[in-house]
Protein backbone atom coordinates (compact mmCIF):
# COMPACT_ATOMS: atom_id res chain seq x y z
CA MET A 1 13.03 66.57 48.44
CA GLN A 2 11.53 69.94 47.48
CA TYR A 3 12.42 72.60 44.88
CA SER A 4 11.83 75.92 45.95
CA GLN A 5 10.15 78.45 43.30
CA GLN A 6 12.94 80.98 43.00
CA ASN A 7 15.48 78.05 41.24
CA ARG A 8 13.36 77.05 38.80
CA GLU A 9 13.74 78.05 35.52
CA PRO A 10 11.07 78.50 33.14
CA ASN A 11 10.36 75.24 30.87
CA GLY A 12 10.95 75.66 27.14
CA CYS A 13 7.95 75.98 25.70
CA ILE A 14 7.17 79.63 27.71
CA GLN A 15 10.91 80.27 25.86
CA THR A 16 10.06 79.13 23.06
CA LEU A 17 6.78 81.12 22.72
CA VAL A 18 9.08 84.18 23.80
CA ILE A 19 11.32 83.75 21.23
CA SER A 20 8.89 83.30 18.53
CA ARG A 21 7.18 86.30 19.31
CA LEU A 22 10.37 88.69 19.19
CA ILE A 23 11.06 87.19 15.44
CA LEU A 24 7.61 87.65 14.53
CA ALA A 25 7.70 91.56 16.20
CA MET A 26 10.59 92.40 14.16
CA LEU A 27 9.25 90.80 11.05
CA MET A 28 6.02 92.57 11.00
CA ILE A 29 7.01 95.60 9.35
CA PRO A 30 8.86 94.30 6.57
CA MET A 31 6.06 91.47 5.63
CA ALA A 32 3.63 94.28 5.61
CA LEU A 33 5.40 96.21 3.43
CA ILE A 34 6.12 93.38 1.19
CA ILE A 35 2.13 92.62 1.62
CA GLY A 36 1.22 96.49 0.90
CA ALA A 37 3.54 96.64 -2.21
CA ILE A 38 1.93 93.26 -3.76
CA ALA A 39 -1.80 95.09 -3.23
CA ALA A 40 -0.61 98.35 -4.52
CA ILE A 41 0.62 96.40 -7.65
CA ILE A 42 -2.62 94.93 -7.87
CA LEU A 43 -4.72 97.61 -7.40
CA THR A 44 -2.36 99.87 -9.87
CA PHE A 45 -3.67 97.44 -12.81
CA TYR A 46 -7.08 96.74 -11.85
CA ALA A 47 -7.04 100.41 -12.00
CA LEU A 48 -5.63 100.56 -14.83
CA THR A 49 -8.22 97.98 -16.49
CA ILE A 50 -10.55 100.95 -15.56
CA HIS A 51 -8.91 103.95 -16.63
CA PRO A 52 -5.29 104.93 -17.62
CA LEU A 53 -5.60 108.38 -15.34
CA LEU A 54 -7.26 106.48 -12.44
CA SER A 55 -4.02 104.35 -12.31
CA LEU A 56 -2.17 107.37 -12.05
CA ALA A 57 -4.29 108.59 -9.45
CA VAL A 58 -3.26 105.05 -7.18
CA ILE A 59 0.23 105.92 -8.70
CA GLY A 60 0.62 109.18 -6.71
CA VAL A 61 -1.54 108.23 -3.82
CA CYS A 62 1.41 105.10 -3.25
CA ALA A 63 4.22 107.34 -3.38
CA ALA A 64 2.76 109.74 -1.41
CA LEU A 65 2.44 106.72 1.29
CA ILE A 66 5.59 105.69 0.71
CA VAL A 67 7.67 109.32 1.27
CA GLY A 68 5.40 109.52 4.89
CA LEU A 69 6.30 106.45 5.63
CA ALA A 70 10.04 107.48 4.83
CA LYS A 71 9.76 110.41 7.00
CA TRP A 72 8.01 108.76 9.86
CA GLU A 73 10.69 105.96 10.18
CA ALA A 74 13.61 108.79 9.84
CA ARG A 75 11.56 110.72 12.75
CA ARG A 76 11.80 107.34 14.94
CA VAL A 77 15.44 106.60 14.09
CA ALA A 78 16.19 110.06 15.06
CA LYS A 79 14.61 109.92 18.52
CA GLN A 80 16.13 106.55 18.95
CA TYR A 81 19.07 107.41 18.17
CA PRO A 82 20.25 110.59 18.90
CA LYS A 83 23.52 112.68 17.26
CA ASP A 84 26.44 113.14 19.71
CA GLU A 85 27.46 116.91 19.52
CA ASP A 86 30.88 116.91 20.02
């Protein structure tokens, strides 16, 4: 008995890999934000040990990065989901 290639479904291993890749792709941005926030806190405390004004500079750079990320995300969401003009 022969099976045709068109009727075969992919095996479970390939489906598992595809699902794992999709989940990791969805979680990559939140994971990067969490790791970046922890790194910023550590860098701020390290800069505070050197000089207090240096830690303020680190906080300012982090704030600028957060504002830039928020603007980028707002543009991306607006492009992906345009408003209805009724």
